[in-house]
């Protein structure tokens, strides 16, 4: 029996650790689902006028209504979706009726329409505020000469289009003949992999138990021989 104590101890400890990691991911899953539900409520809330003072953390996803002019000053951000493939997001400078100039994510166009001339238009936009975190060490440098951008980094876009560091992602507009298809903010784009992680840890715990039992059984057989 003494020979079995060490592997049995490792088996119990390893199983306990793996089960605790799985349970932690289950708790994280519940937390993340609550966060996503809160974001969904905020996205779908009744739109308000654009506040004067904004906090990128507290006001992220705030539903707003803005009235004004969509200018022809725009940048094109290369992106893709599962349903459309390669697209360009059209980010334009938007001049509000109360004299502000902010960024407007109008939506998307296919690559052949990237450089099409889009007229200035007076409209009312309903959408959500957003400060996307799309820049990391793998993000390419923007090709400003070709007007090809690789992220919606708000400070950079604001500098390029001479606007406030505010991005409104359009959900709908009153344009009669919109040339850009809105791509609204949605919580579906926020990763939530905690269920897969939990299943992985629990699966490893089951494997650990089976390996421990197999090893103990093998040791007992060797002792009998």
C-alpha atoms as a PDB file:
ATOM      1  CA  UNK A   1       0.000   0.000   0.000  1.00  0.00           C
ATOM      2  CA  UNK A   2       2.862   2.402   0.664  1.00  0.00           C
ATOM      3  CA  UNK A   3       3.824   2.295  -3.026  1.00  0.00           C
ATOM      4  CA  UNK A   4       0.310   3.476  -3.920  1.00  0.00           C
ATOM      5  CA  UNK A   5       0.202   6.464  -1.575  1.00  0.00           C
ATOM      6  CA  UNK A   6       2.320   8.810  -3.723  1.00  0.00           C
ATOM      7  CA  UNK A   7       0.525   8.241  -7.073  1.00  0.00           C
ATOM      8  CA  UNK A   8      -2.831   8.292  -5.277  1.00  0.00           C
ATOM      9  CA  UNK A   9      -1.931  11.628  -3.682  1.00  0.00           C
ATOM     10  CA  UNK A  10      -0.896  13.075  -7.035  1.00  0.00           C
ATOM     11  CA  UNK A  11      -4.114  11.757  -8.540  1.00  0.00           C
ATOM     12  CA  UNK A  12      -6.297  13.371  -5.885  1.00  0.00           C
ATOM     13  CA  UNK A  13      -4.448  16.691  -5.934  1.00  0.00           C
ATOM     14  CA  UNK A  14      -4.382  16.885  -9.722  1.00  0.00           C
ATOM     15  CA  UNK A  15      -8.089  16.097  -9.956  1.00  0.00           C
ATOM     16  CA  UNK A  16      -8.924  18.682  -7.296  1.00  0.00           C
ATOM     17  CA  UNK A  17      -6.930  21.382  -9.096  1.00  0.00           C
ATOM     18  CA  UNK A  18      -8.485  20.624 -12.471  1.00  0.00           C
ATOM     19  CA  UNK A  19     -12.010  20.545 -10.999  1.00  0.00           C
ATOM     20  CA  UNK A  20     -11.411  23.851  -9.237  1.00  0.00           C
ATOM     21  CA  UNK A  21     -10.260  25.415 -12.509  1.00  0.00           C
ATOM     22  CA  UNK A  22     -13.392  24.113 -14.237  1.00  0.00           C
ATOM     23  CA  UNK A  23     -15.606  25.491 -11.465  1.00  0.00           C
ATOM     24  CA  UNK A  24     -13.835  28.836 -11.686  1.00  0.00           C
ATOM     25  CA  UNK A  25     -14.629  28.995 -15.395  1.00  0.00           C
ATOM     26  CA  UNK A  26     -18.286  28.192 -14.633  1.00  0.00           C
ATOM     27  CA  UNK A  27     -18.380  31.156 -12.257  1.00  0.00           C
ATOM     28  CA  UNK A  28     -16.667  33.300 -14.892  1.00  0.00           C
ATOM     29  CA  UNK A  29     -19.300  32.156 -17.403  1.00  0.00           C
ATOM     30  CA  UNK A  30     -22.107  33.362 -15.137  1.00  0.00           C
ATOM     31  CA  UNK A  31     -20.300  36.669 -14.635  1.00  0.00           C
ATOM     32  CA  UNK A  32     -19.700  37.126 -18.379  1.00  0.00           C
ATOM     33  CA  UNK A  33     -23.311  36.312 -19.258  1.00  0.00           C
ATOM     34  CA  UNK A  34     -24.453  38.932 -16.763  1.00  0.00           C
ATOM     35  CA  UNK A  35     -22.064  41.488 -18.309  1.00  0.00           C
ATOM     36  CA  UNK A  36     -23.293  40.676 -21.821  1.00  0.00           C
ATOM     37  CA  UNK A  37     -26.915  40.968 -20.726  1.00  0.00           C
ATOM     38  CA  UNK A  38     -26.162  44.374 -19.246  1.00  0.00           C
ATOM     39  CA  UNK A  39     -24.436  45.456 -22.470  1.00  0.00           C
ATOM     40  CA  UNK A  40     -27.444  44.257 -24.503  1.00  0.00           C
ATOM     41  CA  UNK A  41     -29.769  46.333 -22.331  1.00  0.00           C
ATOM     42  CA  UNK A  42     -27.538  49.371 -22.757  1.00  0.00           C
ATOM     43  CA  UNK A  43     -27.314  48.928 -26.531  1.00  0.00           C
ATOM     44  CA  UNK A  44     -31.086  48.593 -26.884  1.00  0.00           C
ATOM     45  CA  UNK A  45     -31.955  51.404 -24.457  1.00  0.00           C
ATOM     46  CA  UNK A  46     -33.894  54.487 -25.509  1.00  0.00           C
ATOM     47  CA  UNK A  47     -31.427  56.801 -27.311  1.00  0.00           C
ATOM     48  CA  UNK A  48     -30.474  60.069 -25.631  1.00  0.00           C
ATOM     49  CA  UNK A  49     -28.907  63.245 -26.941  1.00  0.00           C
ATOM     50  CA  UNK A  50     -25.133  63.180 -27.190  1.00  0.00           C
ATOM     51  CA  UNK A  51     -23.793  64.222 -23.755  1.00  0.00           C
ATOM     52  CA  UNK A  52     -21.326  67.084 -23.516  1.00  0.00           C
ATOM     53  CA  UNK A  53     -18.992  65.208 -21.168  1.00  0.00           C
ATOM     54  CA  UNK A  54     -18.224  61.575 -21.917  1.00  0.00           C
ATOM     55  CA  UNK A  55     -16.316  58.792 -20.206  1.00  0.00           C
ATOM     56  CA  UNK A  56     -15.027  56.057 -22.571  1.00  0.00           C
ATOM     57  CA  UNK A  57     -15.543  53.436 -19.852  1.00  0.00           C
ATOM     58  CA  UNK A  58     -18.857  54.499 -18.350  1.00  0.00           C
ATOM     59  CA  UNK A  59     -20.456  55.593 -21.639  1.00  0.00           C
ATOM     60  CA  UNK A  60     -19.323  52.729 -23.855  1.00  0.00           C
ATOM     61  CA  UNK A  61     -22.344  51.396 -25.809  1.00  0.00           C
ATOM     62  CA  UNK A  62     -24.533  54.335 -24.726  1.00  0.00           C
ATOM     63  CA  UNK A  63     -27.472  54.652 -27.132  1.00  0.00           C
ATOM     64  CA  UNK A  64     -27.586  58.145 -28.652  1.00  0.00           C
ATOM     65  CA  UNK A  65     -29.364  60.197 -31.290  1.00  0.00           C
ATOM     66  CA  UNK A  66     -27.461  62.818 -33.288  1.00  0.00           C
ATOM     67  CA  UNK A  67     -28.681  65.190 -35.976  1.00  0.00           C
ATOM     68  CA  UNK A  68     -26.485  66.861 -38.507  1.00  0.00           C
ATOM     69  CA  UNK A  69     -24.419  66.538 -41.656  1.00  0.00           C
ATOM     70  CA  UNK A  70     -22.491  63.488 -42.837  1.00  0.00           C
ATOM     71  CA  UNK A  71     -19.465  65.012 -44.548  1.00  0.00           C
ATOM     72  CA  UNK A  72     -17.337  63.603 -47.343  1.00  0.00           C
ATOM     73  CA  UNK A  73     -14.336  63.428 -45.024  1.00  0.00           C
ATOM     74  CA  UNK A  74     -13.993  59.728 -44.403  1.00  0.00           C
ATOM     75  CA  UNK A  75     -11.568  56.891 -43.782  1.00  0.00           C
ATOM     76  CA  UNK A  76     -11.992  53.259 -44.742  1.00  0.00           C
ATOM     77  CA  UNK A  77     -11.232  50.514 -42.242  1.00  0.00           C
ATOM     78  CA  UNK A  78     -10.597  47.061 -43.679  1.00  0.00           C
ATOM     79  CA  UNK A  79     -12.700  44.437 -41.915  1.00  0.00           C
ATOM     80  CA  UNK A  80     -14.586  41.214 -42.528  1.00  0.00           C
ATOM     81  CA  UNK A  81     -17.631  39.359 -41.263  1.00  0.00           C
ATOM     82  CA  UNK A  82     -18.699  35.769 -41.547  1.00  0.00           C
ATOM     83  CA  UNK A  83     -21.648  36.653 -43.784  1.00  0.00           C
ATOM     84  CA  UNK A  84     -20.073  39.278 -46.054  1.00  0.00           C
ATOM     85  CA  UNK A  85     -16.386  38.419 -46.267  1.00  0.00           C
ATOM     86  CA  UNK A  86     -14.002  41.327 -46.861  1.00  0.00           C
ATOM     87  CA  UNK A  87     -15.567  44.757 -46.402  1.00  0.00           C
ATOM     88  CA  UNK A  88     -14.631  48.319 -45.571  1.00  0.00           C
ATOM     89  CA  UNK A  89     -16.131  50.223 -42.660  1.00  0.00           C
ATOM     90  CA  UNK A  90     -16.811  53.805 -43.675  1.00  0.00           C
ATOM     91  CA  UNK A  91     -15.923  56.219 -40.869  1.00  0.00           C
ATOM     92  CA  UNK A  92     -17.000  59.786 -41.669  1.00  0.00           C
ATOM     93  CA  UNK A  93     -16.775  63.114 -39.918  1.00  0.00           C
ATOM     94  CA  UNK A  94     -20.246  64.100 -38.700  1.00  0.00           C
ATOM     95  CA  UNK A  95     -21.111  67.733 -37.989  1.00  0.00           C
ATOM     96  CA  UNK A  96     -23.945  67.990 -35.488  1.00  0.00           C
ATOM     97  CA  UNK A  97     -26.580  70.726 -35.562  1.00  0.00           C
ATOM     98  CA  UNK A  98     -25.179  72.121 -32.303  1.00  0.00           C
ATOM     99  CA  UNK A  99     -21.715  72.658 -33.790  1.00  0.00           C
ATOM    100  CA  UNK A 100     -19.840  69.548 -32.743  1.00  0.00           C
ATOM    101  CA  UNK A 101     -17.751  67.346 -35.032  1.00  0.00           C
ATOM    102  CA  UNK A 102     -17.599  63.646 -34.156  1.00  0.00           C
ATOM    103  CA  UNK A 103     -16.783  60.360 -35.838  1.00  0.00           C
ATOM    104  CA  UNK A 104     -19.594  58.367 -37.414  1.00  0.00           C
ATOM    105  CA  UNK A 105     -19.224  54.679 -38.279  1.00  0.00           C
ATOM    106  CA  UNK A 106     -21.759  54.658 -41.110  1.00  0.00           C
ATOM    107  CA  UNK A 107     -21.459  50.913 -41.714  1.00  0.00           C
ATOM    108  CA  UNK A 108     -19.896  48.868 -44.469  1.00  0.00           C
ATOM    109  CA  UNK A 109     -19.395  48.655 -48.230  1.00  0.00           C
ATOM    110  CA  UNK A 110     -17.841  46.016 -50.439  1.00  0.00           C
ATOM    111  CA  UNK A 111     -14.276  46.763 -51.682  1.00  0.00           C
ATOM    112  CA  UNK A 112     -15.364  47.905 -55.182  1.00  0.00           C
ATOM    113  CA  UNK A 113     -17.428  50.674 -53.544  1.00  0.00           C
ATOM    114  CA  UNK A 114     -14.646  51.791 -51.219  1.00  0.00           C
ATOM    115  CA  UNK A 115     -13.724  54.943 -53.145  1.00  0.00           C
ATOM    116  CA  UNK A 116     -17.170  55.781 -54.481  1.00  0.00           C
ATOM    117  CA  UNK A 117     -18.183  59.424 -54.125  1.00  0.00           C
ATOM    118  CA  UNK A 118     -20.747  59.611 -51.354  1.00  0.00           C
ATOM    119  CA  UNK A 119     -22.594  62.952 -51.199  1.00  0.00           C
ATOM    120  CA  UNK A 120     -22.957  64.979 -48.031  1.00  0.00           C
ATOM    121  CA  UNK A 121     -26.327  64.385 -46.432  1.00  0.00           C
ATOM    122  CA  UNK A 122     -28.362  65.858 -43.598  1.00  0.00           C
ATOM    123  CA  UNK A 123     -29.749  63.093 -41.430  1.00  0.00           C
ATOM    124  CA  UNK A 124     -30.664  61.879 -37.998  1.00  0.00           C
ATOM    125  CA  UNK A 125     -28.631  58.944 -36.747  1.00  0.00           C
ATOM    126  CA  UNK A 126     -29.477  56.541 -33.978  1.00  0.00           C
ATOM    127  CA  UNK A 127     -26.579  54.465 -32.762  1.00  0.00           C
ATOM    128  CA  UNK A 128     -24.223  53.664 -29.931  1.00  0.00           C
ATOM    129  CA  UNK A 129     -21.031  55.187 -28.634  1.00  0.00           C
ATOM    130  CA  UNK A 130     -17.998  52.960 -28.929  1.00  0.00           C
ATOM    131  CA  UNK A 131     -14.278  53.069 -28.253  1.00  0.00           C
ATOM    132  CA  UNK A 132     -13.120  49.802 -29.889  1.00  0.00           C
ATOM    133  CA  UNK A 133      -9.952  48.087 -28.688  1.00  0.00           C
ATOM    134  CA  UNK A 134      -8.717  46.814 -32.052  1.00  0.00           C
ATOM    135  CA  UNK A 135      -4.990  47.550 -31.913  1.00  0.00           C
ATOM    136  CA  UNK A 136      -2.355  45.047 -30.838  1.00  0.00           C
ATOM    137  CA  UNK A 137       1.216  44.147 -31.772  1.00  0.00           C
ATOM    138  CA  UNK A 138      -0.014  42.395 -34.942  1.00  0.00           C
ATOM    139  CA  UNK A 139      -2.000  45.355 -36.314  1.00  0.00           C
ATOM    140  CA  UNK A 140      -0.411  46.614 -39.568  1.00  0.00           C
ATOM    141  CA  UNK A 141       0.441  50.239 -40.140  1.00  0.00           C
ATOM    142  CA  UNK A 142      -2.359  52.211 -41.761  1.00  0.00           C
ATOM    143  CA  UNK A 143      -1.878  53.017 -45.432  1.00  0.00           C
ATOM    144  CA  UNK A 144      -3.065  56.616 -45.346  1.00  0.00           C
ATOM    145  CA  UNK A 145      -2.095  57.240 -48.976  1.00  0.00           C
ATOM    146  CA  UNK A 146      -4.520  54.562 -50.146  1.00  0.00           C
ATOM    147  CA  UNK A 147      -6.942  55.379 -47.329  1.00  0.00           C
ATOM    148  CA  UNK A 148      -6.779  51.835 -45.980  1.00  0.00           C
ATOM    149  CA  UNK A 149      -6.940  51.585 -42.201  1.00  0.00           C
ATOM    150  CA  UNK A 150      -6.751  48.498 -40.031  1.00  0.00           C
ATOM    151  CA  UNK A 151      -8.456  49.531 -36.803  1.00  0.00           C
ATOM    152  CA  UNK A 152     -10.998  51.945 -35.404  1.00  0.00           C
ATOM    153  CA  UNK A 153      -8.589  53.487 -32.932  1.00  0.00           C
ATOM    154  CA  UNK A 154     -10.648  56.522 -31.978  1.00  0.00           C
ATOM    155  CA  UNK A 155      -7.819  58.959 -31.082  1.00  0.00           C
ATOM    156  CA  UNK A 156      -6.049  58.216 -34.373  1.00  0.00           C
ATOM    157  CA  UNK A 157      -9.215  58.540 -36.445  1.00  0.00           C
ATOM    158  CA  UNK A 158     -10.196  61.724 -34.634  1.00  0.00           C
ATOM    159  CA  UNK A 159      -6.840  63.274 -35.443  1.00  0.00           C
ATOM    160  CA  UNK A 160      -7.097  62.252 -39.104  1.00  0.00           C
ATOM    161  CA  UNK A 161     -10.609  63.685 -39.526  1.00  0.00           C
ATOM    162  CA  UNK A 162     -10.246  66.594 -37.094  1.00  0.00           C
ATOM    163  CA  UNK A 163     -13.061  65.535 -34.763  1.00  0.00           C
ATOM    164  CA  UNK A 164     -13.666  64.950 -31.094  1.00  0.00           C
ATOM    165  CA  UNK A 165     -12.555  61.535 -29.818  1.00  0.00           C
ATOM    166  CA  UNK A 166     -16.117  60.261 -30.017  1.00  0.00           C
ATOM    167  CA  UNK A 167     -17.315  57.468 -32.285  1.00  0.00           C
ATOM    168  CA  UNK A 168     -21.013  56.902 -32.954  1.00  0.00           C
ATOM    169  CA  UNK A 169     -21.704  53.523 -34.575  1.00  0.00           C
ATOM    170  CA  UNK A 170     -24.861  53.927 -36.650  1.00  0.00           C
ATOM    171  CA  UNK A 171     -27.804  51.616 -36.046  1.00  0.00           C
ATOM    172  CA  UNK A 172     -30.206  53.471 -38.312  1.00  0.00           C
ATOM    173  CA  UNK A 173     -30.445  56.761 -40.201  1.00  0.00           C
ATOM    174  CA  UNK A 174     -33.158  58.805 -41.872  1.00  0.00           C
ATOM    175  CA  UNK A 175     -31.297  58.822 -45.207  1.00  0.00           C
ATOM    176  CA  UNK A 176     -33.685  58.203 -48.084  1.00  0.00           C
ATOM    177  CA  UNK A 177     -31.133  56.365 -50.206  1.00  0.00           C
ATOM    178  CA  UNK A 178     -28.335  55.139 -47.934  1.00  0.00           C
ATOM    179  CA  UNK A 179     -25.218  54.044 -49.791  1.00  0.00           C
ATOM    180  CA  UNK A 180     -23.672  52.384 -46.738  1.00  0.00           C
ATOM    181  CA  UNK A 181     -25.151  49.442 -44.821  1.00  0.00           C
ATOM    182  CA  UNK A 182     -25.129  49.993 -41.050  1.00  0.00           C
ATOM    183  CA  UNK A 183     -23.167  47.498 -38.978  1.00  0.00           C
ATOM    184  CA  UNK A 184     -24.488  48.147 -35.456  1.00  0.00           C
ATOM    185  CA  UNK A 185     -22.750  47.418 -32.200  1.00  0.00           C
ATOM    186  CA  UNK A 186     -23.675  43.989 -30.828  1.00  0.00           C
ATOM    187  CA  UNK A 187     -22.551  41.921 -27.856  1.00  0.00           C
ATOM    188  CA  UNK A 188     -22.152  38.913 -30.153  1.00  0.00           C
ATOM    189  CA  UNK A 189     -18.728  40.247 -31.093  1.00  0.00           C
ATOM    190  CA  UNK A 190     -17.507  40.075 -27.495  1.00  0.00           C
ATOM    191  CA  UNK A 191     -15.683  36.778 -26.798  1.00  0.00           C
ATOM    192  CA  UNK A 192     -17.301  34.424 -24.282  1.00  0.00           C
ATOM    193  CA  UNK A 193     -15.306  31.195 -24.249  1.00  0.00           C
ATOM    194  CA  UNK A 194     -15.731  30.287 -20.586  1.00  0.00           C
ATOM    195  CA  UNK A 195     -18.033  27.326 -21.296  1.00  0.00           C
ATOM    196  CA  UNK A 196     -15.441  25.758 -23.610  1.00  0.00           C
ATOM    197  CA  UNK A 197     -12.735  26.364 -21.000  1.00  0.00           C
ATOM    198  CA  UNK A 198     -14.884  24.769 -18.288  1.00  0.00           C
ATOM    199  CA  UNK A 199     -15.545  21.704 -20.450  1.00  0.00           C
ATOM    200  CA  UNK A 200     -11.816  21.462 -21.178  1.00  0.00           C
ATOM    201  CA  UNK A 201     -10.822  21.550 -17.487  1.00  0.00           C
ATOM    202  CA  UNK A 202     -13.516  19.060 -16.494  1.00  0.00           C
ATOM    203  CA  UNK A 203     -12.474  16.809 -19.372  1.00  0.00           C
ATOM    204  CA  UNK A 204      -8.854  16.944 -18.220  1.00  0.00           C
ATOM    205  CA  UNK A 205      -9.997  16.092 -14.699  1.00  0.00           C
ATOM    206  CA  UNK A 206     -11.787  13.007 -16.019  1.00  0.00           C
ATOM    207  CA  UNK A 207      -8.685  11.980 -17.977  1.00  0.00           C
ATOM    208  CA  UNK A 208      -6.532  12.530 -14.879  1.00  0.00           C
ATOM    209  CA  UNK A 209      -8.814  10.262 -12.838  1.00  0.00           C
ATOM    210  CA  UNK A 210      -8.714   7.531 -15.476  1.00  0.00           C
ATOM    211  CA  UNK A 211      -4.932   7.748 -15.788  1.00  0.00           C
ATOM    212  CA  UNK A 212      -4.535   7.582 -12.004  1.00  0.00           C
ATOM    213  CA  UNK A 213      -6.799   4.522 -11.750  1.00  0.00           C
ATOM    214  CA  UNK A 214      -4.977   2.843 -14.629  1.00  0.00           C
ATOM    215  CA  UNK A 215      -1.589   3.529 -13.031  1.00  0.00           C
ATOM    216  CA  UNK A 216      -2.719   2.233  -9.626  1.00  0.00           C
ATOM    217  CA  UNK A 217      -4.189  -0.893 -11.162  1.00  0.00           C
ATOM    218  CA  UNK A 218      -0.997  -1.525 -13.091  1.00  0.00           C
ATOM    219  CA  UNK A 219       1.105  -1.119  -9.939  1.00  0.00           C
ATOM    220  CA  UNK A 220      -1.074  -3.607  -8.076  1.00  0.00           C
ATOM    221  CA  UNK A 221      -0.735  -6.138 -10.877  1.00  0.00           C
ATOM    222  CA  UNK A 222       3.052  -5.731 -10.900  1.00  0.00           C
ATOM    223  CA  UNK A 223       3.130  -6.314  -7.134  1.00  0.00           C
ATOM    224  CA  UNK A 224       1.153  -9.569  -7.482  1.00  0.00           C
ATOM    225  CA  UNK A 225       3.537 -10.821 -10.148  1.00  0.00           C
END
